[in-house]
Every structure is written in structure tokens, then in C-alpha cells.
């Protein structure tokens, strides 16, 4: 599910990967595909907004950071990089 992907983001960050690394970017693509398959069509524009919300909304941030401090920030930055490339 969605939270499993955030757990992967946490592991990615803990392994010292950068937000623009292939691993982190692959996770963003995986997140986007998961949302599209299970909820609604997640365009890059929607994804960019979600990324911002993951850090701006305290409930989201707290939930995501359960996997490790800074995970929400890391995921949000990886999403921003991904959407800029698109």
C-alpha cells in the first residue's frame, strides 16, 4: 500500500541516497502509479501538490515520519525533482 512506499522512502534516505538518485526517483514513479491504480489519475501536477502537502499538513508529516525523521521532507523533495523533470 501507500504507507509501504513511504517505508521504502525512509529506507532509501537512511541508505544515504540523494533525492535525485535513481532509487528515490523510482519510488516517486511507484508512488504515482500506486495512486493512479488505486485512487485517481495522478498527473505530475497532482503529484507535485501531494508532495507539498506531505510536509505542509502536520497529520501527513507525522504519519510519514513514523518511518524515520525527515522521511516526509525527503519524499516531498524527491517528488519535486521528479515533477520538474517531467
N, C-alpha and C. Protein backbone atom coordinates (compact mmCIF):
# COMPACT_ATOMS: atom_id res chain seq x y z
N UNK A 1 0.81 -1.21 0.00
CA UNK A 1 0.00 0.00 0.00
C UNK A 1 0.85 1.26 0.00
N UNK A 2 0.17 2.36 0.15
CA UNK A 2 0.80 3.67 0.13
C UNK A 2 1.86 3.80 1.22
N UNK A 3 1.53 3.39 2.45
CA UNK A 3 2.47 3.56 3.55
C UNK A 3 3.72 2.69 3.37
N UNK A 4 3.56 1.56 2.70
CA UNK A 4 4.71 0.70 2.42
C UNK A 4 5.71 1.43 1.52
N UNK A 5 5.19 2.25 0.62
CA UNK A 5 6.06 3.02 -0.27
C UNK A 5 6.81 4.08 0.55
N UNK A 6 6.14 4.68 1.53
CA UNK A 6 6.83 5.66 2.39
C UNK A 6 7.91 4.98 3.24
N UNK A 7 7.64 3.74 3.63
CA UNK A 7 8.66 2.97 4.36
C UNK A 7 9.88 2.78 3.47
N UNK A 8 9.65 2.58 2.18
CA UNK A 8 10.76 2.43 1.22
C UNK A 8 11.51 3.76 1.06
N UNK A 9 10.78 4.87 1.07
CA UNK A 9 11.42 6.19 1.01
C UNK A 9 12.34 6.37 2.23
N UNK A 10 11.84 5.95 3.39
CA UNK A 10 12.62 6.07 4.63
C UNK A 10 13.91 5.26 4.52
N UNK A 11 13.81 4.04 4.01
CA UNK A 11 14.98 3.17 3.85
C UNK A 11 15.97 3.79 2.86
N UNK A 12 15.42 4.34 1.81
CA UNK A 12 16.22 4.98 0.77
C UNK A 12 17.03 6.14 1.37
N UNK A 13 16.36 6.95 2.17
CA UNK A 13 17.01 8.09 2.82
C UNK A 13 18.08 7.61 3.79
N UNK A 14 17.75 6.58 4.59
CA UNK A 14 18.68 6.05 5.57
C UNK A 14 19.92 5.43 4.91
N UNK A 15 19.75 4.96 3.68
CA UNK A 15 20.88 4.39 2.94
C UNK A 15 21.77 5.48 2.34
N UNK A 16 21.38 6.72 2.56
CA UNK A 16 22.19 7.84 2.09
C UNK A 16 21.94 8.26 0.65
N UNK A 17 20.86 7.80 0.08
CA UNK A 17 20.53 8.19 -1.31
C UNK A 17 20.11 9.66 -1.35
N UNK A 18 20.43 10.30 -2.47
CA UNK A 18 20.00 11.69 -2.68
C UNK A 18 18.58 11.68 -3.24
N UNK A 19 17.88 12.83 -3.13
CA UNK A 19 16.51 12.90 -3.64
C UNK A 19 16.44 12.73 -5.15
N UNK A 20 17.54 13.06 -5.84
CA UNK A 20 17.53 12.92 -7.30
C UNK A 20 18.19 11.61 -7.76
N UNK A 21 18.45 10.70 -6.81
CA UNK A 21 19.04 9.41 -7.17
C UNK A 21 18.03 8.56 -7.92
N UNK A 22 18.55 7.57 -8.64
CA UNK A 22 17.68 6.67 -9.40
C UNK A 22 16.70 5.96 -8.47
N UNK A 23 17.18 5.55 -7.28
CA UNK A 23 16.32 4.84 -6.32
C UNK A 23 15.15 5.71 -5.87
N UNK A 24 15.47 6.93 -5.45
CA UNK A 24 14.42 7.84 -4.97
C UNK A 24 13.44 8.18 -6.08
N UNK A 25 13.95 8.41 -7.28
CA UNK A 25 13.09 8.75 -8.41
C UNK A 25 12.19 7.58 -8.81
N UNK A 26 12.72 6.37 -8.69
CA UNK A 26 11.92 5.18 -8.99
C UNK A 26 10.77 5.04 -7.99
N UNK A 27 11.04 5.43 -6.74
CA UNK A 27 9.99 5.37 -5.72
C UNK A 27 8.89 6.39 -5.99
N UNK A 28 9.28 7.56 -6.50
CA UNK A 28 8.27 8.56 -6.86
C UNK A 28 7.37 8.01 -7.96
N UNK A 29 7.97 7.38 -8.96
CA UNK A 29 7.20 6.80 -10.06
C UNK A 29 6.27 5.71 -9.53
N UNK A 30 6.78 4.93 -8.57
CA UNK A 30 5.99 3.85 -7.96
C UNK A 30 4.80 4.44 -7.18
N UNK A 31 5.05 5.52 -6.46
CA UNK A 31 4.00 6.21 -5.70
C UNK A 31 2.92 6.72 -6.65
N UNK A 32 3.35 7.37 -7.73
CA UNK A 32 2.42 7.92 -8.71
C UNK A 32 1.57 6.81 -9.33
N UNK A 33 2.20 5.71 -9.69
CA UNK A 33 1.48 4.58 -10.29
C UNK A 33 0.49 3.97 -9.30
N UNK A 34 0.91 3.87 -8.03
CA UNK A 34 0.05 3.30 -7.00
C UNK A 34 -1.21 4.15 -6.81
N UNK A 35 -1.03 5.47 -6.75
CA UNK A 35 -2.18 6.37 -6.58
C UNK A 35 -3.11 6.26 -7.79
N UNK A 36 -2.52 6.23 -8.99
CA UNK A 36 -3.32 6.13 -10.22
C UNK A 36 -4.12 4.82 -10.27
N UNK A 37 -3.48 3.73 -9.89
CA UNK A 37 -4.15 2.43 -9.92
C UNK A 37 -5.23 2.28 -8.86
N UNK A 38 -5.02 2.90 -7.70
CA UNK A 38 -5.93 2.66 -6.57
C UNK A 38 -6.90 3.79 -6.24
N UNK A 39 -6.56 5.01 -6.64
CA UNK A 39 -7.41 6.13 -6.23
C UNK A 39 -7.92 6.96 -7.40
N UNK A 40 -7.05 7.67 -8.06
CA UNK A 40 -7.44 8.55 -9.17
C UNK A 40 -6.22 8.77 -10.04
N UNK A 41 -6.41 9.27 -11.23
CA UNK A 41 -5.30 9.54 -12.14
C UNK A 41 -4.41 10.61 -11.52
N UNK A 42 -3.21 10.21 -11.18
CA UNK A 42 -2.28 11.11 -10.51
C UNK A 42 -1.32 11.70 -11.54
N UNK A 43 -1.67 12.88 -12.04
CA UNK A 43 -0.81 13.56 -13.01
C UNK A 43 0.41 14.12 -12.26
N UNK A 44 1.41 14.58 -13.01
CA UNK A 44 2.59 15.18 -12.38
C UNK A 44 2.20 16.40 -11.56
N UNK A 45 1.21 17.13 -12.07
CA UNK A 45 0.73 18.34 -11.39
C UNK A 45 0.11 17.99 -10.03
N UNK A 46 -0.73 16.95 -10.03
CA UNK A 46 -1.36 16.49 -8.78
C UNK A 46 -0.29 15.96 -7.84
N UNK A 47 0.65 15.21 -8.39
CA UNK A 47 1.73 14.64 -7.61
C UNK A 47 2.55 15.74 -6.92
N UNK A 48 2.84 16.81 -7.66
CA UNK A 48 3.60 17.94 -7.11
C UNK A 48 2.86 18.55 -5.92
N UNK A 49 1.54 18.67 -6.05
CA UNK A 49 0.71 19.20 -4.96
C UNK A 49 0.71 18.28 -3.75
N UNK A 50 0.65 16.98 -4.01
CA UNK A 50 0.69 16.00 -2.92
C UNK A 50 2.01 16.10 -2.16
N UNK A 51 3.10 16.22 -2.92
CA UNK A 51 4.41 16.32 -2.30
C UNK A 51 4.48 17.48 -1.32
N UNK A 52 3.94 18.63 -1.73
CA UNK A 52 3.92 19.80 -0.86
C UNK A 52 3.06 19.55 0.38
N UNK A 53 1.94 18.86 0.17
CA UNK A 53 1.03 18.58 1.27
C UNK A 53 1.64 17.63 2.30
N UNK A 54 2.47 16.70 1.84
CA UNK A 54 3.09 15.73 2.75
C UNK A 54 3.92 16.42 3.83
N UNK A 55 4.46 17.60 3.52
CA UNK A 55 5.22 18.33 4.55
C UNK A 55 4.41 19.45 5.19
N UNK A 56 3.48 20.05 4.42
CA UNK A 56 2.70 21.17 4.94
C UNK A 56 1.64 20.73 5.94
N UNK A 57 1.05 19.55 5.71
CA UNK A 57 -0.01 19.04 6.58
C UNK A 57 0.61 18.21 7.69
N UNK A 58 0.50 18.70 8.91
CA UNK A 58 1.13 18.04 10.07
C UNK A 58 0.73 16.58 10.23
N UNK A 59 -0.54 16.27 9.93
CA UNK A 59 -1.00 14.88 10.10
C UNK A 59 -0.28 13.95 9.12
N UNK A 60 -0.15 14.41 7.89
CA UNK A 60 0.57 13.62 6.89
C UNK A 60 2.03 13.46 7.31
N UNK A 61 2.63 14.59 7.68
CA UNK A 61 4.04 14.62 8.02
C UNK A 61 4.33 13.66 9.17
N UNK A 62 3.49 13.72 10.20
CA UNK A 62 3.67 12.87 11.38
C UNK A 62 3.55 11.40 11.02
N UNK A 63 2.56 11.11 10.19
CA UNK A 63 2.31 9.74 9.75
C UNK A 63 3.49 9.17 8.95
N UNK A 64 3.99 9.98 8.02
CA UNK A 64 5.09 9.54 7.15
C UNK A 64 6.39 9.45 7.93
N UNK A 65 6.60 10.39 8.85
CA UNK A 65 7.85 10.41 9.61
C UNK A 65 7.93 9.32 10.68
N UNK A 66 6.85 8.55 10.82
CA UNK A 66 6.89 7.38 11.72
C UNK A 66 7.98 6.41 11.26
N UNK A 67 8.27 6.43 9.96
CA UNK A 67 9.26 5.51 9.40
C UNK A 67 10.69 6.00 9.59
N UNK A 68 10.80 7.23 10.08
CA UNK A 68 12.11 7.83 10.29
C UNK A 68 11.99 9.33 10.09
N UNK A 69 12.59 10.09 10.97
CA UNK A 69 12.53 11.55 10.88
C UNK A 69 13.02 12.04 9.53
N UNK A 70 12.32 13.00 8.97
CA UNK A 70 12.74 13.58 7.70
C UNK A 70 12.26 12.84 6.47
N UNK A 71 11.51 11.76 6.67
CA UNK A 71 11.04 10.98 5.52
C UNK A 71 10.06 11.78 4.66
N UNK A 72 9.16 12.51 5.28
CA UNK A 72 8.18 13.31 4.53
C UNK A 72 8.91 14.35 3.67
N UNK A 73 9.89 15.00 4.29
CA UNK A 73 10.70 16.01 3.61
C UNK A 73 11.44 15.39 2.42
N UNK A 74 12.03 14.24 2.66
CA UNK A 74 12.79 13.53 1.63
C UNK A 74 11.87 13.15 0.45
N UNK A 75 10.72 12.58 0.77
CA UNK A 75 9.76 12.18 -0.26
C UNK A 75 9.28 13.40 -1.04
N UNK A 76 8.98 14.49 -0.32
CA UNK A 76 8.49 15.72 -0.95
C UNK A 76 9.53 16.29 -1.91
N UNK A 77 10.79 16.28 -1.48
CA UNK A 77 11.86 16.81 -2.34
C UNK A 77 12.07 15.92 -3.57
N UNK A 78 12.00 14.60 -3.37
CA UNK A 78 12.14 13.67 -4.48
C UNK A 78 11.01 13.88 -5.50
N UNK A 79 9.80 14.12 -4.99
CA UNK A 79 8.64 14.37 -5.85
C UNK A 79 8.85 15.66 -6.64
N UNK A 80 9.36 16.71 -5.98
CA UNK A 80 9.59 17.99 -6.63
C UNK A 80 10.59 17.84 -7.78
N UNK A 81 11.66 17.09 -7.54
CA UNK A 81 12.68 16.84 -8.57
C UNK A 81 12.05 16.11 -9.76
N UNK A 82 11.27 15.08 -9.44
CA UNK A 82 10.60 14.26 -10.45
C UNK A 82 9.67 15.11 -11.33
N UNK A 83 8.92 15.98 -10.69
CA UNK A 83 7.94 16.79 -11.43
C UNK A 83 8.60 17.90 -12.23
N UNK A 84 9.76 18.36 -11.81
CA UNK A 84 10.49 19.37 -12.57
C UNK A 84 11.04 18.76 -13.86
N UNK A 85 11.44 17.49 -13.80
CA UNK A 85 11.99 16.81 -14.98
C UNK A 85 10.92 16.56 -16.03
N UNK A 86 9.73 16.30 -15.55
CA UNK A 86 8.64 15.89 -16.44
C UNK A 86 8.35 16.95 -17.51
